[in-house]
Amino acid sequence: MYVIYLIVFGFILTAVLGLIASWIDRKVTARLQYRKGPPFLQPFIDIIKLMGKETLIPRGASKAIFIIAPVIGFGSVVIVSTLLWANNSNLFNSFLGDIIVIVYLLAIPSISIMIGGFASGNPLARVGASREMKLLLGYELPFVLAILVPIIKSGFSLRLSEILTTQTQTGAFAGYASGILALIVCIAVMQAKLGLIPFDIPEAETEIMSGWMIEYSGTGLAIFRLMKNMLLFTLPFFLIILFLGGLRLSGTMRFFWGPVTGVAVIAVILAVLGK
């Protein structure tokens, strides 16, 4: 049963939603730059095409580590996605400390990037890997501190299911001042974990030619890209569970009809007053 959850929810559903999120990101970016952008199936085609390409291993690389690095990062994302879907949909009972496990697992993709970059033997890849290491050391502390907010507000619970239950009873944590501040911090950290602008220095294409991934090709590159695309959905999903009560219609409406509507009313009043 657990294997089915792992394959269906952790891998297939999350991969599809992540690739769709990647397409939306590329499409919006293209529109802002007055371009047409890729067709809907382009992210799927890119992954499939890379899977069919030959995997080249550099002569000076540590072969075993170079090959296994993307698998480790991808596996951690699949496990995290399974745990998040399980808690959001009550597929099976959560366990004590699952939120701690998720935080650790979310650090593994960055660690796998560092391992792969250093194992390739390429100096530019090593520069990118060292930058990824500095980023990881920089954002993990504020990320953990921000996650303490929903833990404290749920009665110091380390179960993700109990954090969801508390928000069902008292409202989304994002409706409180502490929750808003913690959510803002987590959004900034999410940007860094995804390696998006302005935190894209580990793979700065104009400077170090794609950085840590410069030596990856074929299946290895496909797995790394799929991992990144899945994180594009998994990380926001994690924040929605922590601060917005999960993917539930009632909780979403309560949040938008509450603090968001309040801010909108204040904006309208200020506009009427000419301020």
C-alpha atoms as a PDB file:
ATOM      1  CA  MET A   1       0.000   0.000   0.000  1.00  0.00           C
ATOM      2  CA  TYR A   2       2.764   2.426   0.963  1.00  0.00           C
ATOM      3  CA  VAL A   3       4.617   1.640  -2.260  1.00  0.00           C
ATOM      4  CA  ILE A   4       1.506   2.598  -4.240  1.00  0.00           C
ATOM      5  CA  TYR A   5       1.297   5.936  -2.390  1.00  0.00           C
ATOM      6  CA  LEU A   6       5.000   6.477  -3.066  1.00  0.00           C
ATOM      7  CA  ILE A   7       4.648   5.849  -6.803  1.00  0.00           C
ATOM      8  CA  VAL A   8       1.258   7.486  -7.460  1.00  0.00           C
ATOM      9  CA  PHE A   9       1.379  10.518  -5.154  1.00  0.00           C
ATOM     10  CA  GLY A  10       5.069  10.927  -4.378  1.00  0.00           C
ATOM     11  CA  PHE A  11       6.315  10.446  -7.940  1.00  0.00           C
ATOM     12  CA  ILE A  12       3.706  10.544 -10.727  1.00  0.00           C
ATOM     13  CA  LEU A  13       1.300  13.211  -9.415  1.00  0.00           C
ATOM     14  CA  THR A  14       4.062  15.434  -8.021  1.00  0.00           C
ATOM     15  CA  ALA A  15       6.155  15.105 -11.190  1.00  0.00           C
ATOM     16  CA  VAL A  16       3.199  16.078 -13.408  1.00  0.00           C
ATOM     17  CA  LEU A  17       2.271  19.060 -11.219  1.00  0.00           C
ATOM     18  CA  GLY A  18       5.933  20.109 -10.981  1.00  0.00           C
ATOM     19  CA  LEU A  19       6.386  20.024 -14.749  1.00  0.00           C
ATOM     20  CA  ILE A  20       3.168  22.030 -15.178  1.00  0.00           C
ATOM     21  CA  ALA A  21       4.483  24.569 -12.652  1.00  0.00           C
ATOM     22  CA  SER A  22       7.737  24.715 -14.639  1.00  0.00           C
ATOM     23  CA  TRP A  23       5.761  25.396 -17.829  1.00  0.00           C
ATOM     24  CA  ILE A  24       3.803  28.199 -16.129  1.00  0.00           C
ATOM     25  CA  ASP A  25       7.056  29.742 -14.889  1.00  0.00           C
ATOM     26  CA  ARG A  26       8.628  29.620 -18.370  1.00  0.00           C
ATOM     27  CA  LYS A  27       5.444  30.856 -20.049  1.00  0.00           C
ATOM     28  CA  VAL A  28       5.026  33.848 -17.725  1.00  0.00           C
ATOM     29  CA  THR A  29       8.727  34.733 -18.067  1.00  0.00           C
ATOM     30  CA  ALA A  30       8.414  34.608 -21.853  1.00  0.00           C
ATOM     31  CA  ARG A  31       5.337  36.833 -21.849  1.00  0.00           C
ATOM     32  CA  LEU A  32       7.099  39.404 -19.677  1.00  0.00           C
ATOM     33  CA  GLN A  33       9.930  39.420 -22.229  1.00  0.00           C
ATOM     34  CA  TYR A  34       7.473  39.756 -25.153  1.00  0.00           C
ATOM     35  CA  ARG A  35       8.092  36.178 -26.324  1.00  0.00           C
ATOM     36  CA  LYS A  36       5.584  33.433 -27.087  1.00  0.00           C
ATOM     37  CA  GLY A  37       7.075  30.876 -24.723  1.00  0.00           C
ATOM     38  CA  PRO A  38       7.123  27.051 -24.869  1.00  0.00           C
ATOM     39  CA  PRO A  39       4.099  24.845 -25.667  1.00  0.00           C
ATOM     40  CA  PHE A  40       2.359  23.074 -22.776  1.00  0.00           C
ATOM     41  CA  LEU A  41       4.094  19.719 -23.269  1.00  0.00           C
ATOM     42  CA  GLN A  42       7.612  21.164 -23.647  1.00  0.00           C
ATOM     43  CA  PRO A  43       8.821  20.393 -20.071  1.00  0.00           C
ATOM     44  CA  PHE A  44       7.633  16.783 -20.464  1.00  0.00           C
ATOM     45  CA  ILE A  45       9.332  16.490 -23.860  1.00  0.00           C
ATOM     46  CA  ASP A  46      12.596  17.904 -22.460  1.00  0.00           C
ATOM     47  CA  ILE A  47      12.761  15.255 -19.721  1.00  0.00           C
ATOM     48  CA  ILE A  48      11.857  12.388 -22.067  1.00  0.00           C
ATOM     49  CA  LYS A  49      14.410  13.561 -24.637  1.00  0.00           C
ATOM     50  CA  LEU A  50      17.192  13.752 -22.034  1.00  0.00           C
ATOM     51  CA  MET A  51      16.341  10.254 -20.769  1.00  0.00           C
ATOM     52  CA  GLY A  52      17.072   8.932 -24.258  1.00  0.00           C
ATOM     53  CA  LYS A  53      20.450  10.656 -24.547  1.00  0.00           C
ATOM     54  CA  GLU A  54      23.789   9.052 -23.745  1.00  0.00           C
ATOM     55  CA  THR A  55      25.128   9.639 -20.243  1.00  0.00           C
ATOM     56  CA  LEU A  56      28.737  10.809 -20.444  1.00  0.00           C
ATOM     57  CA  ILE A  57      31.009  10.508 -17.419  1.00  0.00           C
ATOM     58  CA  PRO A  58      34.082  12.791 -17.199  1.00  0.00           C
ATOM     59  CA  ARG A  59      37.466  11.088 -17.178  1.00  0.00           C
ATOM     60  CA  GLY A  60      38.520  12.508 -13.807  1.00  0.00           C
ATOM     61  CA  ALA A  61      35.159  12.032 -12.092  1.00  0.00           C
ATOM     62  CA  SER A  62      34.344   9.768  -9.171  1.00  0.00           C
ATOM     63  CA  LYS A  63      32.062   7.505 -11.209  1.00  0.00           C
ATOM     64  CA  ALA A  64      29.878   5.937  -8.497  1.00  0.00           C
ATOM     65  CA  ILE A  65      29.235   9.205  -6.642  1.00  0.00           C
ATOM     66  CA  PHE A  66      28.693  11.110  -9.888  1.00  0.00           C
ATOM     67  CA  ILE A  67      25.960   8.655 -10.946  1.00  0.00           C
ATOM     68  CA  ILE A  68      24.241   8.212  -7.586  1.00  0.00           C
ATOM     69  CA  ALA A  69      24.076  11.927  -6.616  1.00  0.00           C
ATOM     70  CA  PRO A  70      20.983  12.801  -8.715  1.00  0.00           C
ATOM     71  CA  VAL A  71      19.228   9.604  -7.572  1.00  0.00           C
ATOM     72  CA  ILE A  72      19.691  10.567  -3.912  1.00  0.00           C
ATOM     73  CA  GLY A  73      18.280  14.064  -4.448  1.00  0.00           C
ATOM     74  CA  PHE A  74      15.364  12.768  -6.512  1.00  0.00           C
ATOM     75  CA  GLY A  75      14.531  10.076  -3.961  1.00  0.00           C
ATOM     76  CA  SER A  76      14.372  12.588  -1.113  1.00  0.00           C
ATOM     77  CA  VAL A  77      11.900  14.767  -3.039  1.00  0.00           C
ATOM     78  CA  VAL A  78       9.674  11.742  -3.770  1.00  0.00           C
ATOM     79  CA  ILE A  79       9.598  10.790  -0.067  1.00  0.00           C
ATOM     80  CA  VAL A  80       8.808  14.366   1.010  1.00  0.00           C
ATOM     81  CA  SER A  81       6.005  14.600  -1.552  1.00  0.00           C
ATOM     82  CA  THR A  82       4.519  11.316  -0.318  1.00  0.00           C
ATOM     83  CA  LEU A  83       4.526  12.542   3.291  1.00  0.00           C
ATOM     84  CA  LEU A  84       2.914  15.857   2.328  1.00  0.00           C
ATOM     85  CA  TRP A  85       0.144  14.222   0.285  1.00  0.00           C
ATOM     86  CA  ALA A  86      -0.454  11.694   3.054  1.00  0.00           C
ATOM     87  CA  ASN A  87      -0.928  14.412   5.679  1.00  0.00           C
ATOM     88  CA  ASN A  88      -3.002  16.677   3.455  1.00  0.00           C
ATOM     89  CA  SER A  89      -5.356  13.876   2.328  1.00  0.00           C
ATOM     90  CA  ASN A  90      -5.241  11.691   5.479  1.00  0.00           C
ATOM     91  CA  LEU A  91      -3.996   8.733   3.442  1.00  0.00           C
ATOM     92  CA  PHE A  92      -2.287   7.207   6.484  1.00  0.00           C
ATOM     93  CA  ASN A  93      -1.370   8.268  10.012  1.00  0.00           C
ATOM     94  CA  SER A  94       1.589  10.592  10.396  1.00  0.00           C
ATOM     95  CA  PHE A  95       4.342   9.854  12.890  1.00  0.00           C
ATOM     96  CA  LEU A  96       5.904  11.902  15.654  1.00  0.00           C
ATOM     97  CA  GLY A  97       8.636  14.159  14.289  1.00  0.00           C
ATOM     98  CA  ASP A  98       7.625  13.871  10.634  1.00  0.00           C
ATOM     99  CA  ILE A  99       8.100  17.622  10.183  1.00  0.00           C
ATOM    100  CA  ILE A 100      11.739  17.246  11.317  1.00  0.00           C
ATOM    101  CA  VAL A 101      12.235  14.433   8.808  1.00  0.00           C
ATOM    102  CA  ILE A 102      10.767  16.621   6.044  1.00  0.00           C
ATOM    103  CA  VAL A 103      13.116  19.515   6.877  1.00  0.00           C
ATOM    104  CA  TYR A 104      16.107  17.163   6.699  1.00  0.00           C
ATOM    105  CA  LEU A 105      14.903  15.599   3.444  1.00  0.00           C
ATOM    106  CA  LEU A 106      14.422  19.036   1.865  1.00  0.00           C
ATOM    107  CA  ALA A 107      18.117  19.742   2.494  1.00  0.00           C
ATOM    108  CA  ILE A 108      19.225  16.593   0.642  1.00  0.00           C
ATOM    109  CA  PRO A 109      18.600  17.935  -2.916  1.00  0.00           C
ATOM    110  CA  SER A 110      21.084  20.748  -2.271  1.00  0.00           C
ATOM    111  CA  ILE A 111      23.531  18.268  -0.756  1.00  0.00           C
ATOM    112  CA  SER A 112      23.170  15.989  -3.800  1.00  0.00           C
ATOM    113  CA  ILE A 113      23.938  18.975  -6.033  1.00  0.00           C
ATOM    114  CA  MET A 114      27.121  19.631  -4.055  1.00  0.00           C
ATOM    115  CA  ILE A 115      28.137  15.966  -4.170  1.00  0.00           C
ATOM    116  CA  GLY A 116      27.541  15.759  -7.916  1.00  0.00           C
ATOM    117  CA  GLY A 117      29.439  18.965  -8.602  1.00  0.00           C
ATOM    118  CA  PHE A 118      32.475  17.969  -6.549  1.00  0.00           C
ATOM    119  CA  ALA A 119      32.448  14.398  -7.921  1.00  0.00           C
ATOM    120  CA  SER A 120      32.549  15.582 -11.544  1.00  0.00           C
ATOM    121  CA  GLY A 121      36.126  16.826 -11.207  1.00  0.00           C
ATOM    122  CA  ASN A 122      35.379  19.939 -13.263  1.00  0.00           C
ATOM    123  CA  PRO A 123      36.706  23.181 -11.679  1.00  0.00           C
ATOM    124  CA  LEU A 124      33.646  25.184 -12.778  1.00  0.00           C
ATOM    125  CA  ALA A 125      31.344  22.524 -11.316  1.00  0.00           C
ATOM    126  CA  ARG A 126      33.285  22.703  -8.056  1.00  0.00           C
ATOM    127  CA  VAL A 127      32.819  26.481  -7.944  1.00  0.00           C
ATOM    128  CA  GLY A 128      29.081  25.990  -8.421  1.00  0.00           C
ATOM    129  CA  ALA A 129      28.986  23.269  -5.747  1.00  0.00           C
ATOM    130  CA  SER A 130      30.854  25.466  -3.256  1.00  0.00           C
ATOM    131  CA  ARG A 131      28.367  28.270  -3.898  1.00  0.00           C
ATOM    132  CA  GLU A 132      25.495  25.849  -3.296  1.00  0.00           C
ATOM    133  CA  MET A 133      27.122  24.918   0.010  1.00  0.00           C
ATOM    134  CA  LYS A 134      27.343  28.560   1.093  1.00  0.00           C
ATOM    135  CA  LEU A 135      23.705  29.107   0.126  1.00  0.00           C
ATOM    136  CA  LEU A 136      22.656  26.053   2.145  1.00  0.00           C
ATOM    137  CA  LEU A 137      24.533  27.271   5.213  1.00  0.00           C
ATOM    138  CA  GLY A 138      22.932  30.688   4.790  1.00  0.00           C
ATOM    139  CA  TYR A 139      19.241  29.829   4.451  1.00  0.00           C
ATOM    140  CA  GLU A 140      18.791  26.718   6.611  1.00  0.00           C
ATOM    141  CA  LEU A 141      18.866  28.604   9.945  1.00  0.00           C
ATOM    142  CA  PRO A 142      16.127  31.151   9.073  1.00  0.00           C
ATOM    143  CA  PHE A 143      14.126  28.322   7.471  1.00  0.00           C
ATOM    144  CA  VAL A 144      14.179  26.273  10.680  1.00  0.00           C
ATOM    145  CA  LEU A 145      13.347  29.337  12.809  1.00  0.00           C
ATOM    146  CA  ALA A 146      10.389  30.193  10.557  1.00  0.00           C
ATOM    147  CA  ILE A 147       9.065  26.621  10.786  1.00  0.00           C
ATOM    148  CA  LEU A 148       9.122  26.931  14.587  1.00  0.00           C
ATOM    149  CA  VAL A 149       6.198  29.386  14.322  1.00  0.00           C
ATOM    150  CA  PRO A 150       3.557  26.809  13.237  1.00  0.00           C
ATOM    151  CA  ILE A 151       5.097  24.290  15.653  1.00  0.00           C
ATOM    152  CA  ILE A 152       4.679  26.706  18.581  1.00  0.00           C
ATOM    153  CA  LYS A 153       1.190  27.820  17.557  1.00  0.00           C
ATOM    154  CA  SER A 154       0.023  24.195  17.339  1.00  0.00           C
ATOM    155  CA  GLY A 155       1.067  23.511  20.939  1.00  0.00           C
ATOM    156  CA  PHE A 156       4.657  22.498  20.155  1.00  0.00           C
ATOM    157  CA  SER A 157       3.478  19.604  18.008  1.00  0.00           C
ATOM    158  CA  LEU A 158       5.988  17.882  15.738  1.00  0.00           C
ATOM    159  CA  ARG A 159       3.282  16.075  13.761  1.00  0.00           C
ATOM    160  CA  LEU A 160       2.279  17.685  10.483  1.00  0.00           C
ATOM    161  CA  SER A 161      -1.247  16.265  10.831  1.00  0.00           C
ATOM    162  CA  GLU A 162      -1.721  18.015  14.190  1.00  0.00           C
ATOM    163  CA  ILE A 163      -0.517  21.308  12.688  1.00  0.00           C
ATOM    164  CA  LEU A 164      -3.196  20.899  10.005  1.00  0.00           C
ATOM    165  CA  THR A 165      -5.849  20.023  12.608  1.00  0.00           C
ATOM    166  CA  THR A 166      -5.004  23.100  14.692  1.00  0.00           C
ATOM    167  CA  GLN A 167      -5.435  25.364  11.667  1.00  0.00           C
ATOM    168  CA  THR A 168      -8.780  23.721  10.883  1.00  0.00           C
ATOM    169  CA  GLN A 169      -9.966  24.676  14.371  1.00  0.00           C
ATOM    170  CA  THR A 170      -8.367  28.118  14.823  1.00  0.00           C
ATOM    171  CA  GLY A 171      -7.762  29.331  11.265  1.00  0.00           C
ATOM    172  CA  ALA A 172      -4.669  29.522   9.073  1.00  0.00           C
ATOM    173  CA  PHE A 173      -1.468  30.600  10.820  1.00  0.00           C
ATOM    174  CA  ALA A 174      -0.895  33.069   7.972  1.00  0.00           C
ATOM    175  CA  GLY A 175      -3.737  35.101   9.479  1.00  0.00           C
ATOM    176  CA  TYR A 176      -1.504  36.055  12.423  1.00  0.00           C
ATOM    177  CA  ALA A 177       1.350  38.569  12.439  1.00  0.00           C
ATOM    178  CA  SER A 178       3.909  35.911  13.418  1.00  0.00           C
ATOM    179  CA  GLY A 179       2.599  33.603  10.704  1.00  0.00           C
ATOM    180  CA  ILE A 180       2.837  36.294   8.022  1.00  0.00           C
ATOM    181  CA  LEU A 181       6.446  37.098   8.957  1.00  0.00           C
ATOM    182  CA  ALA A 182       7.403  33.409   9.028  1.00  0.00           C
ATOM    183  CA  LEU A 183       5.693  32.829   5.669  1.00  0.00           C
ATOM    184  CA  ILE A 184       7.636  35.714   4.100  1.00  0.00           C
ATOM    185  CA  VAL A 185      10.899  34.214   5.393  1.00  0.00           C
ATOM    186  CA  CYS A 186       9.960  30.778   4.029  1.00  0.00           C
ATOM    187  CA  ILE A 187       9.115  32.228   0.607  1.00  0.00           C
ATOM    188  CA  ALA A 188      12.570  33.850   0.445  1.00  0.00           C
ATOM    189  CA  VAL A 189      14.188  30.561   1.505  1.00  0.00           C
ATOM    190  CA  MET A 190      12.108  28.678  -1.073  1.00  0.00           C
ATOM    191  CA  GLN A 191      13.492  30.947  -3.774  1.00  0.00           C
ATOM    192  CA  ALA A 192      17.021  30.052  -2.654  1.00  0.00           C
ATOM    193  CA  LYS A 193      16.285  26.312  -2.427  1.00  0.00           C
ATOM    194  CA  LEU A 194      14.957  26.376  -5.989  1.00  0.00           C
ATOM    195  CA  GLY A 195      18.036  28.276  -7.196  1.00  0.00           C
ATOM    196  CA  LEU A 196      15.936  31.007  -8.769  1.00  0.00           C
ATOM    197  CA  ILE A 197      16.885  34.663  -9.264  1.00  0.00           C
ATOM    198  CA  PRO A 198      18.530  36.275  -7.304  1.00  0.00           C
ATOM    199  CA  PHE A 199      19.863  33.041  -5.763  1.00  0.00           C
ATOM    200  CA  ASP A 200      20.979  31.383  -9.007  1.00  0.00           C
ATOM    201  CA  ILE A 201      24.729  31.851  -8.459  1.00  0.00           C
ATOM    202  CA  PRO A 202      25.479  28.073  -8.177  1.00  0.00           C
ATOM    203  CA  GLU A 203      24.551  27.661 -11.861  1.00  0.00           C
ATOM    204  CA  ALA A 204      25.288  31.152 -13.172  1.00  0.00           C
ATOM    205  CA  GLU A 205      25.300  30.405 -16.907  1.00  0.00           C
ATOM    206  CA  THR A 206      26.957  33.660 -17.954  1.00  0.00           C
ATOM    207  CA  GLU A 207      29.765  33.211 -15.441  1.00  0.00           C
ATOM    208  CA  ILE A 208      30.540  29.524 -14.805  1.00  0.00           C
ATOM    209  CA  MET A 209      28.657  27.808 -17.660  1.00  0.00           C
ATOM    210  CA  SER A 210      25.797  26.152 -15.697  1.00  0.00           C
ATOM    211  CA  GLY A 211      28.035  25.556 -12.672  1.00  0.00           C
ATOM    212  CA  TRP A 212      27.543  22.248 -10.873  1.00  0.00           C
ATOM    213  CA  MET A 213      25.591  20.641 -13.743  1.00  0.00           C
ATOM    214  CA  ILE A 214      28.142  21.406 -16.471  1.00  0.00           C
ATOM    215  CA  GLU A 215      29.299  17.757 -16.757  1.00  0.00           C
ATOM    216  CA  TYR A 216      25.870  16.151 -16.468  1.00  0.00           C
ATOM    217  CA  SER A 217      24.081  14.807 -19.528  1.00  0.00           C
ATOM    218  CA  GLY A 218      21.480  12.231 -20.465  1.00  0.00           C
ATOM    219  CA  THR A 219      19.665  10.446 -17.648  1.00  0.00           C
ATOM    220  CA  GLY A 220      21.640  12.136 -14.848  1.00  0.00           C
ATOM    221  CA  LEU A 221      20.736  15.609 -16.093  1.00  0.00           C
ATOM    222  CA  ALA A 222      17.114  14.519 -16.632  1.00  0.00           C
ATOM    223  CA  ILE A 223      16.839  13.293 -13.033  1.00  0.00           C
ATOM    224  CA  PHE A 224      18.322  16.528 -11.666  1.00  0.00           C
ATOM    225  CA  ARG A 225      15.962  18.651 -13.772  1.00  0.00           C
ATOM    226  CA  LEU A 226      12.956  16.549 -12.786  1.00  0.00           C
ATOM    227  CA  MET A 227      14.005  16.916  -9.147  1.00  0.00           C
ATOM    228  CA  LYS A 228      14.102  20.701  -9.530  1.00  0.00           C
ATOM    229  CA  ASN A 229      10.717  20.738 -11.266  1.00  0.00           C
ATOM    230  CA  MET A 230       9.154  18.595  -8.543  1.00  0.00           C
ATOM    231  CA  LEU A 231      10.546  20.952  -5.899  1.00  0.00           C
ATOM    232  CA  LEU A 232       8.788  23.765  -7.747  1.00  0.00           C
ATOM    233  CA  PHE A 233       5.540  22.191  -6.534  1.00  0.00           C
ATOM    234  CA  THR A 234       6.659  20.429  -3.338  1.00  0.00           C
ATOM    235  CA  LEU A 235       8.093  23.484  -1.557  1.00  0.00           C
ATOM    236  CA  PRO A 236       4.992  25.700  -2.049  1.00  0.00           C
ATOM    237  CA  PHE A 237       2.838  22.695  -1.052  1.00  0.00           C
ATOM    238  CA  PHE A 238       4.818  22.399   2.201  1.00  0.00           C
ATOM    239  CA  LEU A 239       4.292  26.092   2.974  1.00  0.00           C
ATOM    240  CA  ILE A 240       0.570  25.808   2.200  1.00  0.00           C
ATOM    241  CA  ILE A 241       0.281  22.982   4.736  1.00  0.00           C
ATOM    242  CA  LEU A 242       2.295  24.857   7.374  1.00  0.00           C
ATOM    243  CA  PHE A 243       0.667  28.277   7.090  1.00  0.00           C
ATOM    244  CA  LEU A 244      -2.594  27.969   5.109  1.00  0.00           C
ATOM    245  CA  GLY A 245      -4.052  24.776   6.522  1.00  0.00           C
ATOM    246  CA  GLY A 246      -3.333  22.589   3.497  1.00  0.00           C
ATOM    247  CA  LEU A 247      -5.078  22.295   0.150  1.00  0.00           C
ATOM    248  CA  ARG A 248      -8.604  22.614   1.530  1.00  0.00           C
ATOM    249  CA  LEU A 249     -11.306  24.848   0.057  1.00  0.00           C
ATOM    250  CA  SER A 250     -12.722  25.904   3.435  1.00  0.00           C
ATOM    251  CA  GLY A 251      -9.344  26.982   4.802  1.00  0.00           C
ATOM    252  CA  THR A 252      -8.467  28.853   1.619  1.00  0.00           C
ATOM    253  CA  MET A 253     -11.756  30.787   1.637  1.00  0.00           C
ATOM    254  CA  ARG A 254     -11.338  31.615   5.326  1.00  0.00           C
ATOM    255  CA  PHE A 255      -7.876  33.039   4.650  1.00  0.00           C
ATOM    256  CA  PHE A 256      -8.925  35.163   1.668  1.00  0.00           C
ATOM    257  CA  TRP A 257     -12.154  36.372   3.288  1.00  0.00           C
ATOM    258  CA  GLY A 258     -10.234  37.199   6.453  1.00  0.00           C
ATOM    259  CA  PRO A 259      -6.815  38.940   6.432  1.00  0.00           C
ATOM    260  CA  VAL A 260      -6.556  39.332   2.650  1.00  0.00           C
ATOM    261  CA  THR A 261      -9.992  40.974   2.394  1.00  0.00           C
ATOM    262  CA  GLY A 262      -9.104  43.189   5.364  1.00  0.00           C
ATOM    263  CA  VAL A 263      -5.982  44.476   3.604  1.00  0.00           C
ATOM    264  CA  ALA A 264      -8.002  45.060   0.412  1.00  0.00           C
ATOM    265  CA  VAL A 265     -10.620  47.091   2.329  1.00  0.00           C
ATOM    266  CA  ILE A 266      -7.880  49.241   3.875  1.00  0.00           C
ATOM    267  CA  ALA A 267      -6.432  49.835   0.392  1.00  0.00           C
ATOM    268  CA  VAL A 268      -9.861  50.939  -0.918  1.00  0.00           C
ATOM    269  CA  ILE A 269     -10.355  53.323   2.025  1.00  0.00           C
ATOM    270  CA  LEU A 270      -6.916  54.871   1.462  1.00  0.00           C
ATOM    271  CA  ALA A 271      -7.715  55.275  -2.248  1.00  0.00           C
ATOM    272  CA  VAL A 272     -11.002  57.067  -1.415  1.00  0.00           C
ATOM    273  CA  LEU A 273      -9.169  59.376   0.991  1.00  0.00           C
ATOM    274  CA  GLY A 274      -6.643  60.167  -1.740  1.00  0.00           C
ATOM    275  CA  LYS A 275      -3.668  58.659   0.062  1.00  0.00           C
END
